[in-house]
Structures are given as structure tokens and as C-alpha cells.
């Protein structure tokens, strides 16, 4: 059975754990990179959820993860910052899928 894994600080991802996701703790970009390299070896992982604030400092680790596995890596946006890596990633994905920048900048 395929797994969803959430990586981050427990207070941010407790709701995902309650929903049945596996959880890996990381409180820094370095810890995130280490967790991603651990997860990449698990063929049952289909989706990885990462907070934008951690992803911003680990861009090379994200690229390496994406190159090494077919699992989807979703960077979750922080609603307080439209320059957050998660928001930018979601915005680009929506724009690519629809051909229109539907989200724009939040003022």
C-alpha cells in the first residue's frame, strides 16, 4: 500500500498525522534533506508533504529527491507569505495546468 509522508515540525503536521499520514520530524533545512534521503529509499512512498519554510533552504535536496524517485513532492505554502517556496510552487503548478495565473499575489 502506498504511503503519504509529512515532514516538518510536529505542531504543523499533527493534522496530517491524524489523517493517517506517516510523519518524519525536521526542524531545519539540514534535517529536511536528511529525511528526504531516508524516504527516497522507500518504494512505498507516493507523496511527500513539506512545509515551504523548510523547503526554501533545501532547494538542492528537493531537486535531488525529485530526480531519484517517482514520488510526488508537494511543498505546502505558508499563508502569511506569497514569496514562500510552497506558495510559489503551487502557483506555478496551477499556472502550468490551467495556462493562467489564477492565484496571483496576495496583498
Protein backbone atom coordinates (compact mmCIF):
# COMPACT_ATOMS: atom_id res chain seq x y z
CA UNK A 1 0.00 0.00 0.00
CA UNK A 2 1.35 3.43 -0.95
CA UNK A 3 2.15 5.94 1.78
CA UNK A 4 1.88 9.67 2.29
CA UNK A 5 4.69 11.14 4.39
CA UNK A 6 4.63 14.59 6.01
CA UNK A 7 7.96 16.11 7.04
CA UNK A 8 8.23 19.08 9.38
CA UNK A 9 7.63 20.26 12.89
CA UNK A 10 5.01 18.24 14.76
CA UNK A 11 2.80 21.23 15.61
CA UNK A 12 2.49 22.00 11.89
CA UNK A 13 1.80 18.44 10.76
CA UNK A 14 -0.25 16.93 13.56
CA UNK A 15 -3.41 17.22 11.44
CA UNK A 16 -1.76 15.18 8.65
CA UNK A 17 -0.75 12.50 11.12
CA UNK A 18 -4.31 12.32 12.43
CA UNK A 19 -5.44 11.88 8.80
CA UNK A 20 -3.27 8.77 8.51
CA UNK A 21 -0.07 10.18 7.03
CA UNK A 22 3.29 8.96 8.19
CA UNK A 23 5.29 11.67 9.90
CA UNK A 24 9.02 12.45 9.95
CA UNK A 25 10.28 15.28 12.14
CA UNK A 26 12.51 18.01 10.73
CA UNK A 27 13.04 21.48 12.13
CA UNK A 28 15.72 22.74 9.74
CA UNK A 29 16.68 22.55 6.08
CA UNK A 30 19.53 20.19 7.00
CA UNK A 31 17.16 17.86 8.85
CA UNK A 32 14.72 18.03 5.92
CA UNK A 33 17.48 16.99 3.48
CA UNK A 34 18.39 14.03 5.69
CA UNK A 35 14.76 12.90 5.93
CA UNK A 36 14.29 13.17 2.17
CA UNK A 37 17.34 10.99 1.56
CA UNK A 38 15.92 8.44 4.01
CA UNK A 39 12.48 8.48 2.38
CA UNK A 40 13.83 8.18 -1.19
CA UNK A 41 14.81 4.58 -0.38
CA UNK A 42 11.22 3.59 0.47
CA UNK A 43 9.42 2.42 -2.70
CA UNK A 44 6.04 2.56 -0.95
CA UNK A 45 6.10 6.36 -0.55
CA UNK A 46 3.87 8.02 -3.17
CA UNK A 47 3.51 11.55 -1.79
CA UNK A 48 5.73 13.69 0.44
CA UNK A 49 4.42 16.89 2.05
CA UNK A 50 6.98 19.53 3.04
CA UNK A 51 6.39 22.99 4.58
CA UNK A 52 7.51 25.95 2.48
CA UNK A 53 9.61 27.48 5.23
CA UNK A 54 11.87 24.39 5.35
CA UNK A 55 11.85 23.86 1.59
CA UNK A 56 13.20 27.37 0.98
CA UNK A 57 16.55 26.41 2.45
CA UNK A 58 16.79 22.96 0.91
CA UNK A 59 16.30 23.51 -2.82
CA UNK A 60 19.14 21.17 -3.83
CA UNK A 61 17.77 18.38 -1.60
CA UNK A 62 14.33 18.83 -3.20
CA UNK A 63 15.83 18.59 -6.70
CA UNK A 64 17.84 15.51 -5.74
CA UNK A 65 14.74 13.86 -4.28
CA UNK A 66 12.67 14.55 -7.38
CA UNK A 67 15.42 13.17 -9.61
CA UNK A 68 15.77 9.98 -7.54
CA UNK A 69 12.14 8.89 -7.15
CA UNK A 70 8.74 8.97 -8.81
CA UNK A 71 7.09 10.04 -5.54
CA UNK A 72 5.36 13.41 -5.71
CA UNK A 73 6.96 16.09 -3.54
CA UNK A 74 4.46 18.78 -2.58
CA UNK A 75 5.73 21.95 -0.94
CA UNK A 76 2.88 23.34 1.15
CA UNK A 77 2.52 27.11 1.18
CA UNK A 78 2.58 29.30 4.23
CA UNK A 79 -0.48 31.57 4.06
CA UNK A 80 1.39 34.52 5.51
CA UNK A 81 3.92 34.97 2.70
CA UNK A 82 3.34 34.88 -1.06
CA UNK A 83 7.11 34.61 -1.61
CA UNK A 84 7.13 31.36 0.38
CA UNK A 85 8.57 28.45 -1.62
CA UNK A 86 5.35 26.48 -1.15
CA UNK A 87 3.11 29.22 -2.45
CA UNK A 88 5.36 29.87 -5.44
CA UNK A 89 5.43 26.13 -6.23
CA UNK A 90 1.65 25.75 -6.03
CA UNK A 91 1.15 28.95 -8.03
CA UNK A 92 3.44 27.69 -10.82
CA UNK A 93 1.73 24.28 -10.86
CA UNK A 94 -1.72 25.86 -11.18
CA UNK A 95 -0.47 28.22 -13.89
CA UNK A 96 1.13 25.34 -15.80
CA UNK A 97 -2.03 23.22 -15.55
CA UNK A 98 -4.51 25.97 -16.46
CA UNK A 99 -2.37 28.26 -18.59
CA UNK A 100 -3.42 31.22 -16.42
CA UNK A 101 -2.05 32.68 -13.19
CA UNK A 102 -5.23 32.17 -11.14
CA UNK A 103 -3.66 32.73 -7.73
CA UNK A 104 -1.64 35.90 -8.31
CA UNK A 105 -0.07 37.73 -5.42
CA UNK A 106 -1.97 38.01 -2.18
CA UNK A 107 -1.76 41.57 -0.90
